[in-house]
C-alpha atoms as a PDB file:
ATOM      1  CA  MET A   1     -11.339 -26.105  -8.196  1.00  0.00           C
ATOM      2  CA  ASP A   2      -8.681 -27.157 -10.683  1.00  0.00           C
ATOM      3  CA  TYR A   3      -9.744 -24.300 -12.963  1.00  0.00           C
ATOM      4  CA  MET A   4      -8.206 -21.848 -10.499  1.00  0.00           C
ATOM      5  CA  PHE A   5      -4.716 -23.079 -11.333  1.00  0.00           C
ATOM      6  CA  GLN A   6      -5.075 -23.304 -15.091  1.00  0.00           C
ATOM      7  CA  PRO A   7      -2.918 -20.807 -17.001  1.00  0.00           C
ATOM      8  CA  GLY A   8      -4.260 -17.281 -16.700  1.00  0.00           C
ATOM      9  CA  PHE A   9      -5.547 -15.081 -19.488  1.00  0.00           C
ATOM     10  CA  LEU A  10      -3.236 -12.059 -19.097  1.00  0.00           C
ATOM     11  CA  GLY A  11      -0.205 -13.683 -20.706  1.00  0.00           C
ATOM     12  CA  THR A  12       1.961 -14.006 -17.588  1.00  0.00           C
ATOM     13  CA  ARG A  13       3.002 -16.954 -15.389  1.00  0.00           C
ATOM     14  CA  ALA A  14      -0.019 -16.355 -13.149  1.00  0.00           C
ATOM     15  CA  PRO A  15      -2.764 -18.915 -12.678  1.00  0.00           C
ATOM     16  CA  PHE A  16      -6.327 -18.086 -13.690  1.00  0.00           C
ATOM     17  CA  PHE A  17      -7.479 -17.005 -10.226  1.00  0.00           C
ATOM     18  CA  MET A  18      -4.653 -14.465  -9.910  1.00  0.00           C
ATOM     19  CA  ASP A  19      -5.484 -12.956 -13.300  1.00  0.00           C
ATOM     20  CA  PHE A  20      -9.171 -12.806 -12.388  1.00  0.00           C
ATOM     21  CA  VAL A  21      -8.532 -11.107  -9.043  1.00  0.00           C
ATOM     22  CA  THR A  22      -5.975  -8.701 -10.537  1.00  0.00           C
ATOM     23  CA  LEU A  23      -8.416  -7.640 -13.237  1.00  0.00           C
ATOM     24  CA  ILE A  24     -11.072  -6.880 -10.622  1.00  0.00           C
ATOM     25  CA  VAL A  25      -8.554  -5.008  -8.456  1.00  0.00           C
ATOM     26  CA  ALA A  26      -7.529  -2.947 -11.492  1.00  0.00           C
ATOM     27  CA  PHE A  27     -11.147  -1.944 -12.158  1.00  0.00           C
ATOM     28  CA  LEU A  28     -12.038  -1.286  -8.506  1.00  0.00           C
ATOM     29  CA  PRO A  29     -11.130   2.442  -8.504  1.00  0.00           C
ATOM     30  CA  PHE A  30     -13.288   2.962 -11.595  1.00  0.00           C
ATOM     31  CA  LEU A  31     -16.244   1.190  -9.994  1.00  0.00           C
ATOM     32  CA  VAL A  32     -15.890   3.304  -6.867  1.00  0.00           C
ATOM     33  CA  ALA A  33     -15.616   6.435  -9.031  1.00  0.00           C
ATOM     34  CA  VAL A  34     -19.035   5.578 -10.477  1.00  0.00           C
ATOM     35  CA  ALA A  35     -20.429   5.265  -6.951  1.00  0.00           C
ATOM     36  CA  ILE A  36     -18.939   8.658  -6.069  1.00  0.00           C
ATOM     37  CA  TYR A  37     -20.468  10.123  -9.228  1.00  0.00           C
ATOM     38  CA  PHE A  38     -23.895   9.038  -7.940  1.00  0.00           C
ATOM     39  CA  ALA A  39     -23.309  11.007  -4.733  1.00  0.00           C
ATOM     40  CA  LYS A  40     -22.170  14.092  -6.645  1.00  0.00           C
ATOM     41  CA  LYS A  41     -25.390  13.930  -8.678  1.00  0.00           C
ATOM     42  CA  GLU A  42     -27.344  13.579  -5.392  1.00  0.00           C
ATOM     43  CA  LYS A  43     -28.503  10.086  -6.311  1.00  0.00           C
ATOM     44  CA  TYR A  44     -27.850   8.947  -2.767  1.00  0.00           C
ATOM     45  CA  ALA A  45     -29.828   5.705  -2.958  1.00  0.00           C
ATOM     46  CA  HIS A  46     -27.720   4.654  -5.956  1.00  0.00           C
ATOM     47  CA  HIS A  47     -24.561   5.724  -4.123  1.00  0.00           C
ATOM     48  CA  VAL A  48     -25.447   3.640  -1.062  1.00  0.00           C
ATOM     49  CA  LEU A  49     -26.345   0.600  -3.143  1.00  0.00           C
ATOM     50  CA  ALA A  50     -23.222   0.865  -5.304  1.00  0.00           C
ATOM     51  CA  GLN A  51     -20.893   1.284  -2.320  1.00  0.00           C
ATOM     52  CA  THR A  52     -22.518  -1.629  -0.503  1.00  0.00           C
ATOM     53  CA  VAL A  53     -22.339  -3.956  -3.503  1.00  0.00           C
ATOM     54  CA  ILE A  54     -18.744  -2.959  -4.295  1.00  0.00           C
ATOM     55  CA  LEU A  55     -17.606  -3.431  -0.684  1.00  0.00           C
ATOM     56  CA  ILE A  56     -19.296  -6.838  -0.342  1.00  0.00           C
ATOM     57  CA  GLY A  57     -17.995  -7.859  -3.765  1.00  0.00           C
ATOM     58  CA  SER A  58     -14.491  -6.795  -2.752  1.00  0.00           C
ATOM     59  CA  ILE A  59     -14.645  -8.900   0.404  1.00  0.00           C
ATOM     60  CA  ILE A  60     -15.787 -11.901  -1.654  1.00  0.00           C
ATOM     61  CA  VAL A  61     -12.950 -11.366  -4.160  1.00  0.00           C
ATOM     62  CA  VAL A  62     -10.358 -11.097  -1.360  1.00  0.00           C
ATOM     63  CA  SER A  63     -11.740 -14.301   0.180  1.00  0.00           C
ATOM     64  CA  TYR A  64     -11.490 -16.063  -3.191  1.00  0.00           C
ATOM     65  CA  PHE A  65      -7.934 -14.777  -3.552  1.00  0.00           C
ATOM     66  CA  GLU A  66      -6.934 -15.976  -0.075  1.00  0.00           C
ATOM     67  CA  TYR A  67      -8.510 -19.363  -0.728  1.00  0.00           C
ATOM     68  CA  GLY A  68      -6.528 -19.672  -3.968  1.00  0.00           C
ATOM     69  CA  VAL A  69      -3.260 -18.653  -2.308  1.00  0.00           C
ATOM     70  CA  ARG A  70      -3.767 -21.189   0.499  1.00  0.00           C
ATOM     71  CA  LEU A  71      -4.822 -23.926  -1.917  1.00  0.00           C
ATOM     72  CA  GLY A  72      -1.833 -23.095  -4.125  1.00  0.00           C
ATOM     73  CA  GLY A  73       0.675 -23.628  -1.325  1.00  0.00           C
ATOM     74  CA  GLY A  74       0.884 -20.162   0.190  1.00  0.00           C
ATOM     75  CA  TYR A  75       3.115 -17.189  -0.464  1.00  0.00           C
ATOM     76  CA  GLU A  76       6.293 -19.251  -0.775  1.00  0.00           C
ATOM     77  CA  SER A  77       5.004 -21.308  -3.681  1.00  0.00           C
ATOM     78  CA  PHE A  78       4.161 -18.197  -5.720  1.00  0.00           C
ATOM     79  CA  VAL A  79       7.471 -16.462  -4.964  1.00  0.00           C
ATOM     80  CA  LYS A  80       9.514 -19.352  -6.394  1.00  0.00           C
ATOM     81  CA  SER A  81       8.990 -18.360 -10.019  1.00  0.00           C
ATOM     82  CA  THR A  82      10.074 -14.715  -9.796  1.00  0.00           C
ATOM     83  CA  SER A  83      13.562 -13.324 -10.302  1.00  0.00           C
ATOM     84  CA  VAL A  84      12.741 -10.297  -8.139  1.00  0.00           C
ATOM     85  CA  SER A  85      14.503  -9.983  -4.778  1.00  0.00           C
ATOM     86  CA  HIS A  86      12.397 -11.765  -2.185  1.00  0.00           C
ATOM     87  CA  ASP A  87      13.161  -9.053   0.381  1.00  0.00           C
ATOM     88  CA  TYR A  88      11.917  -6.325  -1.961  1.00  0.00           C
ATOM     89  CA  LEU A  89       8.850  -8.348  -2.884  1.00  0.00           C
ATOM     90  CA  PHE A  90       8.074  -8.954   0.781  1.00  0.00           C
ATOM     91  CA  VAL A  91       8.283  -5.218   1.573  1.00  0.00           C
ATOM     92  CA  VAL A  92       5.976  -4.395  -1.352  1.00  0.00           C
ATOM     93  CA  LEU A  93       3.538  -7.129  -0.287  1.00  0.00           C
ATOM     94  CA  VAL A  94       3.450  -5.982   3.348  1.00  0.00           C
ATOM     95  CA  THR A  95       2.939  -2.381   2.208  1.00  0.00           C
ATOM     96  CA  HIS A  96       0.063  -3.525  -0.013  1.00  0.00           C
ATOM     97  CA  ILE A  97      -1.523  -5.488   2.836  1.00  0.00           C
ATOM     98  CA  VAL A  98      -1.221  -2.599   5.318  1.00  0.00           C
ATOM     99  CA  ILE A  99      -2.748  -0.122   2.859  1.00  0.00           C
ATOM    100  CA  SER A 100      -5.576  -2.498   1.957  1.00  0.00           C
ATOM    101  CA  VAL A 101      -6.453  -3.384   5.572  1.00  0.00           C
ATOM    102  CA  ILE A 102      -6.505   0.271   6.651  1.00  0.00           C
ATOM    103  CA  THR A 103      -8.572   1.167   3.577  1.00  0.00           C
ATOM    104  CA  LEU A 104     -11.036  -1.644   4.247  1.00  0.00           C
ATOM    105  CA  GLY A 105     -11.462  -0.449   7.834  1.00  0.00           C
ATOM    106  CA  ILE A 106     -12.099   3.157   6.810  1.00  0.00           C
ATOM    107  CA  TRP A 107     -14.402   2.066   3.973  1.00  0.00           C
ATOM    108  CA  ALA A 108     -16.485  -0.284   6.120  1.00  0.00           C
ATOM    109  CA  SER A 109     -16.803   2.153   9.028  1.00  0.00           C
ATOM    110  CA  THR A 110     -17.747   4.972   6.650  1.00  0.00           C
ATOM    111  CA  LEU A 111     -20.395   2.812   5.015  1.00  0.00           C
ATOM    112  CA  PHE A 112     -21.876   1.543   8.288  1.00  0.00           C
ATOM    113  CA  ARG A 113     -22.029   4.992   9.853  1.00  0.00           C
ATOM    114  CA  ALA A 114     -23.447   6.504   6.653  1.00  0.00           C
ATOM    115  CA  LYS A 115     -26.203   3.876   6.509  1.00  0.00           C
ATOM    116  CA  LYS A 116     -27.365   4.981   9.957  1.00  0.00           C
ATOM    117  CA  ASP A 117     -27.176   8.665   9.102  1.00  0.00           C
ATOM    118  CA  TYR A 118     -28.806   8.168   5.685  1.00  0.00           C
ATOM    119  CA  GLU A 119     -32.139   7.432   7.331  1.00  0.00           C
ATOM    120  CA  SER A 120     -32.090  10.772   9.152  1.00  0.00           C
ATOM    121  CA  GLY A 121     -31.894  12.753   5.907  1.00  0.00           C
ATOM    122  CA  LEU A 122     -29.252  14.288   3.735  1.00  0.00           C
ATOM    123  CA  PRO A 123     -27.356  16.463   3.812  1.00  0.00           C
ATOM    124  CA  GLY A 124     -26.823  15.922   7.499  1.00  0.00           C
ATOM    125  CA  PRO A 125     -24.366  16.730  10.270  1.00  0.00           C
ATOM    126  CA  TYR A 126     -22.117  13.837   9.212  1.00  0.00           C
ATOM    127  CA  SER A 127     -21.996  14.800   5.516  1.00  0.00           C
ATOM    128  CA  ARG A 128     -18.742  16.771   5.715  1.00  0.00           C
ATOM    129  CA  SER A 129     -16.815  14.099   7.633  1.00  0.00           C
ATOM    130  CA  HIS A 130     -18.382  11.434   5.398  1.00  0.00           C
ATOM    131  CA  LYS A 131     -16.987  13.208   2.365  1.00  0.00           C
ATOM    132  CA  ARG A 132     -13.511  13.401   3.935  1.00  0.00           C
ATOM    133  CA  ALA A 133     -13.650   9.709   4.884  1.00  0.00           C
ATOM    134  CA  GLY A 134     -14.808   8.929   1.358  1.00  0.00           C
ATOM    135  CA  ILE A 135     -11.843  10.788  -0.119  1.00  0.00           C
ATOM    136  CA  ARG A 136      -9.448   8.892   2.179  1.00  0.00           C
ATOM    137  CA  THR A 137     -11.128   5.635   1.201  1.00  0.00           C
ATOM    138  CA  PHE A 138     -10.901   6.417  -2.507  1.00  0.00           C
ATOM    139  CA  ILE A 139      -7.205   7.284  -2.211  1.00  0.00           C
ATOM    140  CA  GLY A 140      -6.687   4.035  -0.291  1.00  0.00           C
ATOM    141  CA  ILE A 141      -8.522   2.065  -2.974  1.00  0.00           C
ATOM    142  CA  ILE A 142      -6.337   3.599  -5.685  1.00  0.00           C
ATOM    143  CA  LEU A 143      -3.183   2.788  -3.689  1.00  0.00           C
ATOM    144  CA  THR A 144      -4.452  -0.734  -2.983  1.00  0.00           C
ATOM    145  CA  SER A 145      -5.140  -1.257  -6.666  1.00  0.00           C
ATOM    146  CA  LEU A 146      -1.767   0.077  -7.797  1.00  0.00           C
ATOM    147  CA  SER A 147       0.205  -1.828  -5.161  1.00  0.00           C
ATOM    148  CA  GLY A 148      -1.768  -5.020  -5.876  1.00  0.00           C
ATOM    149  CA  ILE A 149      -0.993  -4.723  -9.571  1.00  0.00           C
ATOM    150  CA  TRP A 150       2.666  -4.102  -8.713  1.00  0.00           C
ATOM    151  CA  VAL A 151       2.775  -7.259  -6.548  1.00  0.00           C
ATOM    152  CA  TYR A 152       1.200  -9.214  -9.416  1.00  0.00           C
ATOM    153  CA  LEU A 153       3.769  -7.897 -11.905  1.00  0.00           C
ATOM    154  CA  LEU A 154       6.660  -8.655  -9.555  1.00  0.00           C
ATOM    155  CA  LEU A 155       5.418 -12.201  -8.998  1.00  0.00           C
ATOM    156  CA  PHE A 156       4.371 -13.186 -12.486  1.00  0.00           C
ATOM    157  CA  LEU A 157       6.020 -10.944 -15.058  1.00  0.00           C
ATOM    158  CA  PHE A 158       9.553 -10.213 -13.816  1.00  0.00           C
END
């Protein structure tokens, strides 16, 4: 797994795995927007498949990220190279984690409930609340992406 800690490809101090994860996090809102587009065009099977693949892929990427952070010595080892206030960075990181965990919970529960309701036909009694949960999830994904990119910039650019 030495490749994970080779210099990254985004031109910062970040190792490869951080650049890779950050790139995926940056594209996540766009991928989810495509899945939402499928629902708007009433291509519900495509919407379900896209949301499922994106959610599972996101969990795999987060696991890869966590593995890399642990293997790399944890939070403290990555904070050493930044000139940003550690207190500020910690607040931004905790905010990012809280947003992402809440978003993941809403996203997963929306997907699991929708899979059950999908079999009973659409539109259905859950469609309106599903749409609201989807909007909350999408906003959370955008905030997760932006805050994740901000953490990356604070750690490896400034």
